Amino acid sequence: MPTVYIILYSLYHHVYKVAQAVQKGLEAEGVDVKLFQVTETLSDEILSKLHAPDRPNLPIITVDDLTKADAFMFGIPTRFGTFPSQLKSFLDATGALWATGALAGKFAGTFFSTASQHGGQETTAYTFMTYFAHHGINYVPLGFANSHLFDNSEVIGGSAWGAGTVANGDGSREPTVKELEIATTQGENFAKILTAFHRGSKALDSTTDAADAAAAPAATDAQTDDKIEQVNPSTSGATATAGAVGAAAGATAAANAAGTKDTINKASADANDATATSGTDKAANASKTTTPAANSAKPTETASAQPQSKPAAAAQSKPISEKPAAKQEKKKNDCFCM
């Protein structure tokens, strides 16, 4: 459960008695409560002249103690419509906590004691709130949460800003039952808000932790996959190399086959041309012996044509007339025109 520090200054114990009623309400809602008082700045001589009783038996709060609590309830006696120098001296020493944001997000409430009904319980809350604003502390007002605040039949301390009591100028008036009941209501309501906030924060943290835990295995699997790929680069490289070599060999074989086919086709075409020429020479010079048409091809072409296929040999032995050649020429021209 959250912890609340009640921090007060009480010269005549009026604020201390209201603080005890606030503590009752806080503890009724299961909140841990500790009471503290700030350091007295008045000398013993002045205190004796003011006829001040012994101080409450409470530990003295230090600035560093503020970081240990989840929330604060400040008990404030008024001095001319504002808070006394004892509380101001304490709060003015919290500069280091302000610089580090150590109190940001915590909660705070206020309750008061004045000498008269119009002694400044509300203005004291106004002036005190500047410290809350600068520290980023969430201020929780009382509001009109208790019906006694609507009672005008008697003098009742307290306001929407917090519970309070009216002590008279000489401190002779003690907190009334109604004033203490208002203080208890303030403690209860403050505890409910604080508890709800902390439960929500814990639930949010649990949800976040569960989401992180669920995401962790997926991240581990992804890292494992990356490690597997990194551990076997040689295997994947060898596989890729073997594949590349096989592809290159296949490409080379295909290229050779294509080259051989092109060479044979070229040799066949040359042989056809040579045969046609030979047939023409035979018709013009029947008595003249000529060199075979196949030998008229260039040596390089003949070498590249070997071995000749059967269709090519048949083409050499069969004379081709001029007519088919003309048709072939026409086909070439048609293709050229296209």
Protein backbone atom coordinates (compact mmCIF):
# COMPACT_ATOMS: atom_id res chain seq x y z
CA MET A 1 0.00 0.00 0.00
CA PRO A 2 1.14 3.60 -0.56
CA THR A 3 2.72 5.64 2.23
CA VAL A 4 1.56 9.10 3.29
CA TYR A 5 3.62 11.50 5.38
CA ILE A 6 1.65 14.01 7.44
CA ILE A 7 3.98 16.99 7.85
CA LEU A 8 2.96 19.78 10.20
CA TYR A 9 3.89 22.70 12.35
CA SER A 10 1.77 23.15 15.45
CA LEU A 11 2.54 25.75 18.10
CA TYR A 12 -0.53 25.15 20.28
CA HIS A 13 -1.34 21.58 19.08
CA HIS A 14 -4.51 22.55 17.21
CA VAL A 15 -3.04 21.46 13.86
CA TYR A 16 -1.67 18.33 15.52
CA LYS A 17 -5.16 17.30 16.71
CA VAL A 18 -6.62 17.85 13.23
CA ALA A 19 -3.70 15.80 11.84
CA GLN A 20 -4.64 12.87 14.07
CA ALA A 21 -8.17 12.93 12.61
CA VAL A 22 -6.74 12.98 9.08
CA GLN A 23 -4.52 10.03 10.03
CA LYS A 24 -7.58 8.12 11.20
CA GLY A 25 -9.24 8.51 7.80
CA LEU A 26 -6.09 7.51 5.90
CA GLU A 27 -5.53 4.37 7.95
CA ALA A 28 -9.20 3.39 7.62
CA GLU A 29 -8.50 2.95 3.88
CA GLY A 30 -5.40 0.85 4.47
CA VAL A 31 -2.76 3.50 3.80
CA ASP A 32 0.50 3.55 5.77
CA VAL A 33 0.85 6.84 7.64
CA LYS A 34 3.73 8.56 9.42
CA LEU A 35 3.55 11.89 11.23
CA PHE A 36 6.40 14.40 11.17
CA GLN A 37 6.97 17.99 12.27
CA VAL A 38 9.29 20.58 10.79
CA THR A 39 12.17 22.17 12.68
CA GLU A 40 11.30 24.97 15.05
CA THR A 41 12.94 28.27 14.18
CA LEU A 42 11.85 30.25 17.24
CA SER A 43 14.10 30.43 20.27
CA ASP A 44 13.08 28.98 23.63
CA GLU A 45 12.85 32.52 25.02
CA ILE A 46 10.27 33.56 22.45
CA LEU A 47 8.34 30.31 22.87
CA SER A 48 8.12 30.90 26.60
CA LYS A 49 6.77 34.42 26.04
CA LEU A 50 4.14 32.95 23.71
CA HIS A 51 3.18 30.45 26.42
CA ALA A 52 3.65 27.63 23.92
CA PRO A 53 3.30 24.09 25.31
CA ASP A 54 5.89 21.44 24.69
CA ARG A 55 6.11 20.41 21.12
CA PRO A 56 4.33 17.25 19.93
CA ASN A 57 6.35 14.08 20.32
CA LEU A 58 6.97 13.64 16.61
CA PRO A 59 10.16 13.08 14.59
CA ILE A 60 11.66 15.98 12.67
CA ILE A 61 11.23 15.68 8.91
CA THR A 62 14.26 16.09 6.66
CA VAL A 63 14.35 17.06 3.02
CA ASP A 64 15.61 13.62 2.00
CA ASP A 65 12.69 11.97 3.81
CA LEU A 66 10.32 13.42 1.21
CA THR A 67 11.58 11.01 -1.44
CA LYS A 68 10.45 8.00 0.63
CA ALA A 69 6.73 8.85 0.65
CA ASP A 70 4.11 8.52 -2.08
CA ALA A 71 2.09 11.48 -0.86
CA PHE A 72 1.98 14.26 1.76
CA MET A 73 -0.64 15.93 3.90
CA PHE A 74 0.54 19.30 5.16
CA GLY A 75 -0.89 20.69 8.42
CA ILE A 76 -0.53 24.47 8.25
CA PRO A 77 -1.27 27.15 10.83
CA THR A 78 -1.79 30.55 9.20
CA ARG A 79 0.26 33.69 9.64
CA PHE A 80 -1.42 36.78 8.17
CA GLY A 81 -3.20 34.75 5.52
CA THR A 82 -0.18 32.67 4.54
CA PHE A 83 1.92 29.85 6.04
CA PRO A 84 4.54 30.28 8.80
CA SER A 85 8.29 30.68 8.33
CA GLN A 86 9.00 27.26 9.84
CA LEU A 87 7.29 25.52 6.91
CA LYS A 88 8.73 27.98 4.41
CA SER A 89 12.28 27.35 5.63
CA PHE A 90 11.75 23.63 5.19
CA LEU A 91 10.28 23.92 1.68
CA ASP A 92 12.90 26.43 0.57
CA ALA A 93 15.53 23.75 1.28
CA THR A 94 14.06 21.38 -1.33
CA GLY A 95 15.91 22.95 -4.27
CA ALA A 96 18.01 19.84 -4.91
CA LEU A 97 14.87 17.69 -5.09
CA TRP A 98 13.33 20.18 -7.51
CA ALA A 99 16.45 20.11 -9.70
CA THR A 100 16.25 16.33 -10.05
CA GLY A 101 12.44 16.07 -10.24
CA ALA A 102 12.47 13.76 -7.22
CA LEU A 103 8.99 14.80 -6.05
CA ALA A 104 7.29 14.95 -9.44
CA GLY A 105 4.17 12.82 -9.67
CA LYS A 106 3.57 12.58 -5.93
CA PHE A 107 0.31 13.72 -4.30
CA ALA A 108 -0.43 16.31 -1.63
CA GLY A 109 -3.28 17.78 0.39
CA THR A 110 -3.58 20.55 2.98
CA PHE A 111 -5.45 21.30 6.24
CA PHE A 112 -5.31 24.40 8.45
CA SER A 113 -5.82 26.26 11.68
CA THR A 114 -6.65 29.95 11.97
CA ALA A 115 -7.36 32.26 14.87
CA SER A 116 -10.65 33.47 13.37
CA GLN A 117 -13.29 32.28 10.95
CA HIS A 118 -11.90 34.55 8.24
CA GLY A 119 -8.22 34.21 9.13
CA GLY A 120 -7.12 33.04 5.68
CA GLN A 121 -7.48 29.27 5.43
CA GLU A 122 -8.10 29.56 1.68
CA THR A 123 -5.34 32.11 0.96
CA THR A 124 -2.90 29.92 2.90
CA ALA A 125 -3.72 27.10 0.48
CA TYR A 126 -3.16 29.44 -2.50
CA THR A 127 0.31 30.50 -1.37
CA PHE A 128 1.32 26.95 -0.45
CA MET A 129 0.36 25.55 -3.83
CA THR A 130 3.19 27.31 -5.65
CA TYR A 131 5.59 24.73 -4.21
CA PHE A 132 3.38 21.91 -5.49
CA ALA A 133 3.32 23.44 -8.96
CA HIS A 134 7.09 23.85 -9.18
CA HIS A 135 7.78 20.33 -7.91
CA GLY A 136 5.13 18.75 -10.14
CA ILE A 137 3.17 17.47 -7.12
CA ASN A 138 -0.51 16.68 -7.72
CA TYR A 139 -2.71 18.73 -5.40
CA VAL A 140 -5.86 17.00 -4.14
CA PRO A 141 -8.46 19.37 -2.64
CA LEU A 142 -11.17 18.28 -0.24
CA GLY A 143 -14.11 19.83 -2.02
CA PHE A 144 -17.42 19.84 -0.16
CA ALA A 145 -17.18 16.14 0.60
CA ASN A 146 -18.64 16.43 4.09
CA SER A 147 -22.08 17.91 4.83
CA HIS A 148 -20.74 19.85 7.85
CA LEU A 149 -19.15 22.28 5.40
CA PHE A 150 -22.70 23.45 4.53
CA ASP A 151 -23.61 24.02 8.21
CA ASN A 152 -23.90 27.73 9.05
CA SER A 153 -25.45 27.26 12.47
CA GLU A 154 -22.06 27.43 14.18
CA VAL A 155 -18.44 28.30 13.50
CA ILE A 156 -16.87 25.45 11.55
CA GLY A 157 -13.36 25.48 10.18
CA GLY A 158 -12.44 24.01 6.84
CA SER A 159 -13.24 24.73 3.20
CA ALA A 160 -13.05 23.16 -0.23
CA TRP A 161 -9.26 23.42 0.10
CA GLY A 162 -9.04 21.21 3.17
CA ALA A 163 -10.17 20.58 6.71
CA GLY A 164 -9.48 23.17 9.39
CA THR A 165 -10.21 24.52 12.82
CA VAL A 166 -10.70 27.95 14.37
CA ALA A 167 -8.58 28.34 17.52
CA ASN A 168 -9.29 31.95 18.70
CA GLY A 169 -6.47 34.44 19.05
CA ASP A 170 -5.36 33.03 22.40
CA GLY A 171 -5.67 29.37 21.32
CA SER A 172 -8.52 28.70 23.77
CA ARG A 173 -10.86 27.04 21.27
CA GLU A 174 -10.26 23.37 20.57
CA PRO A 175 -11.20 21.54 17.35
CA THR A 176 -14.87 20.53 17.42
CA VAL A 177 -16.36 17.15 16.64
CA LYS A 178 -17.63 18.39 13.29
CA GLU A 179 -14.24 19.80 12.34
CA LEU A 180 -12.55 16.51 13.21
CA GLU A 181 -15.12 14.56 11.23
CA ILE A 182 -14.39 16.75 8.21
CA ALA A 183 -10.70 15.99 8.68
CA THR A 184 -11.40 12.24 8.82
CA THR A 185 -13.41 12.49 5.60
CA GLN A 186 -10.51 14.26 3.95
CA GLY A 187 -8.15 11.49 5.00
CA GLU A 188 -10.48 8.80 3.62
CA ASN A 189 -11.00 10.52 0.27
CA PHE A 190 -7.31 11.27 -0.14
CA ALA A 191 -6.45 7.62 0.55
CA LYS A 192 -9.02 6.37 -1.98
CA ILE A 193 -7.60 8.55 -4.75
CA LEU A 194 -4.03 7.60 -3.90
CA THR A 195 -4.83 3.88 -3.68
CA ALA A 196 -6.71 3.90 -6.98
CA PHE A 197 -3.77 5.60 -8.67
CA HIS A 198 -1.25 3.10 -7.32
CA ARG A 199 -3.39 0.11 -8.23
CA GLY A 200 -3.76 1.45 -11.75
CA SER A 201 -0.01 2.04 -11.97
CA LYS A 202 0.73 -1.52 -10.85
CA ALA A 203 -1.79 -2.95 -13.30
CA LEU A 204 -0.21 -0.94 -16.10
CA ASP A 205 3.27 -2.08 -15.10
CA SER A 206 2.08 -5.72 -15.02
CA THR A 207 0.56 -5.38 -18.47
CA THR A 208 3.76 -3.84 -19.78
CA ASP A 209 5.88 -6.59 -18.20
CA ALA A 210 3.62 -9.28 -19.68
CA ALA A 211 3.87 -7.71 -23.12
CA ASP A 212 7.65 -7.53 -22.81
CA ALA A 213 7.80 -11.16 -21.68
CA ALA A 214 5.66 -12.25 -24.63
CA ALA A 215 7.81 -10.31 -27.04
CA ALA A 216 11.05 -11.74 -25.62
CA PRO A 217 10.75 -15.29 -27.17
CA ALA A 218 10.01 -13.83 -30.59
CA ALA A 219 13.05 -11.62 -30.33
CA THR A 220 15.14 -14.61 -29.19
CA ASP A 221 13.93 -16.69 -32.15
CA ALA A 222 14.80 -13.91 -34.54
CA GLN A 223 18.24 -13.60 -33.01
CA THR A 224 18.69 -17.37 -33.22
CA ASP A 225 17.79 -17.35 -36.91
CA ASP A 226 20.28 -14.58 -37.50
CA LYS A 227 22.95 -16.55 -35.64
CA ILE A 228 22.27 -19.68 -37.71
CA GLU A 229 22.69 -17.71 -40.90
CA GLN A 230 25.88 -16.18 -39.55
CA VAL A 231 27.30 -19.50 -38.32
CA ASN A 232 26.98 -21.25 -41.74
CA PRO A 233 28.23 -18.69 -44.25
CA SER A 234 30.78 -21.15 -45.72
CA THR A 235 28.12 -23.79 -46.34
CA SER A 236 25.80 -21.36 -48.01
CA GLY A 237 28.76 -19.91 -49.93
CA ALA A 238 29.88 -23.37 -51.10
CA THR A 239 26.37 -24.19 -52.20
CA ALA A 240 26.15 -20.94 -54.09
CA THR A 241 29.56 -21.55 -55.66
CA ALA A 242 28.61 -25.09 -56.74
CA GLY A 243 25.39 -23.77 -58.19
CA ALA A 244 27.25 -21.07 -60.05
CA VAL A 245 29.78 -23.56 -61.42
CA GLY A 246 26.99 -25.88 -62.58
CA ALA A 247 25.14 -23.00 -64.19
CA ALA A 248 28.31 -21.83 -65.90
CA ALA A 249 29.03 -25.36 -67.20
CA GLY A 250 25.50 -25.66 -68.50
CA ALA A 251 25.73 -22.27 -70.15
CA THR A 252 29.07 -23.23 -71.76
CA ALA A 253 27.65 -26.50 -73.10
CA ALA A 254 24.63 -24.72 -74.46
CA ALA A 255 26.84 -22.10 -76.07
CA ASN A 256 29.04 -24.80 -77.67
CA ALA A 257 26.04 -26.65 -78.95
CA ALA A 258 24.60 -23.48 -80.37
CA GLY A 259 27.96 -22.60 -81.92
CA THR A 260 28.30 -26.05 -83.51
CA LYS A 261 24.80 -25.84 -84.92
CA ASP A 262 25.44 -22.38 -86.32
CA THR A 263 28.74 -23.58 -87.85
CA ILE A 264 27.10 -26.60 -89.50
CA ASN A 265 24.28 -24.45 -90.86
CA LYS A 266 26.78 -21.95 -92.20
CA ALA A 267 28.86 -24.70 -93.84
CA SER A 268 25.72 -26.17 -95.39
CA ALA A 269 24.78 -22.82 -96.85
CA ASP A 270 28.29 -22.33 -98.27
CA ALA A 271 28.18 -25.84 -99.76
CA ASN A 272 24.85 -25.09 -101.44
CA ASP A 273 26.24 -21.92 -102.95
CA ALA A 274 29.34 -23.76 -104.15
CA THR A 275 27.24 -26.53 -105.71
CA ALA A 276 25.08 -24.00 -107.51
CA THR A 277 28.19 -22.32 -108.90
CA SER A 278 29.61 -25.65 -109.96
CA GLY A 279 26.41 -26.57 -111.77
CA THR A 280 26.49 -23.30 -113.70
CA ASP A 281 30.14 -23.77 -114.66
CA LYS A 282 29.41 -27.26 -115.87
CA ALA A 283 26.68 -26.03 -118.19
CA ALA A 284 28.93 -23.33 -119.69
CA ASN A 285 32.08 -25.42 -119.89
CA ALA A 286 30.99 -28.99 -120.39
CA SER A 287 34.40 -30.13 -121.63
CA LYS A 288 36.35 -28.38 -118.89
CA THR A 289 37.19 -30.24 -115.72
CA THR A 290 36.54 -28.15 -112.63
CA THR A 291 37.58 -28.36 -109.03
CA PRO A 292 34.87 -29.72 -106.76
CA ALA A 293 32.64 -27.03 -105.40
CA ALA A 294 33.21 -28.08 -101.82
CA ASN A 295 36.95 -27.31 -102.24
CA SER A 296 36.21 -23.74 -103.40
CA ALA A 297 35.21 -22.79 -99.85
CA LYS A 298 37.83 -21.07 -97.70
CA PRO A 299 40.00 -23.39 -95.65
CA THR A 300 38.88 -21.80 -92.43
CA GLU A 301 35.27 -22.26 -93.32
CA THR A 302 35.88 -25.90 -94.29
CA ALA A 303 37.70 -26.52 -91.04
CA SER A 304 34.97 -24.92 -89.05
CA ALA A 305 32.35 -26.96 -90.86
CA GLN A 306 33.80 -30.30 -89.82
CA PRO A 307 32.29 -32.65 -89.13
CA GLN A 308 29.63 -32.19 -91.78
CA SER A 309 26.23 -33.57 -91.18
CA LYS A 310 24.41 -35.86 -93.58
CA PRO A 311 22.01 -33.16 -94.77
CA ALA A 312 24.95 -30.97 -95.67
CA ALA A 313 26.60 -33.82 -97.70
CA ALA A 314 23.39 -34.49 -99.52
CA ALA A 315 23.09 -30.84 -100.36
CA GLN A 316 26.53 -30.94 -101.94
CA SER A 317 25.72 -33.91 -104.25
CA LYS A 318 22.42 -32.50 -105.47
CA PRO A 319 22.57 -29.67 -107.98
CA ILE A 320 20.40 -26.67 -107.22
CA SER A 321 18.90 -24.78 -110.15
CA GLU A 322 18.76 -21.03 -110.52
CA LYS A 323 15.04 -20.95 -109.81
CA PRO A 324 15.22 -21.94 -106.18
CA ALA A 325 18.06 -19.50 -105.76
CA ALA A 326 15.87 -16.75 -107.15
CA LYS A 327 13.13 -17.68 -104.76
CA GLN A 328 15.60 -17.57 -101.91
CA GLU A 329 16.75 -14.15 -103.03
CA LYS A 330 13.15 -12.94 -103.13
CA LYS A 331 12.60 -14.25 -99.64
CA LYS A 332 15.62 -12.37 -98.47
CA ASN A 333 14.34 -9.18 -100.10
CA ASP A 334 10.92 -9.69 -98.54
CA CYS A 335 12.50 -10.12 -95.15
CA PHE A 336 14.68 -7.07 -95.76
CA CYS A 337 11.69 -4.96 -96.68
CA MET A 338 9.91 -5.95 -93.52
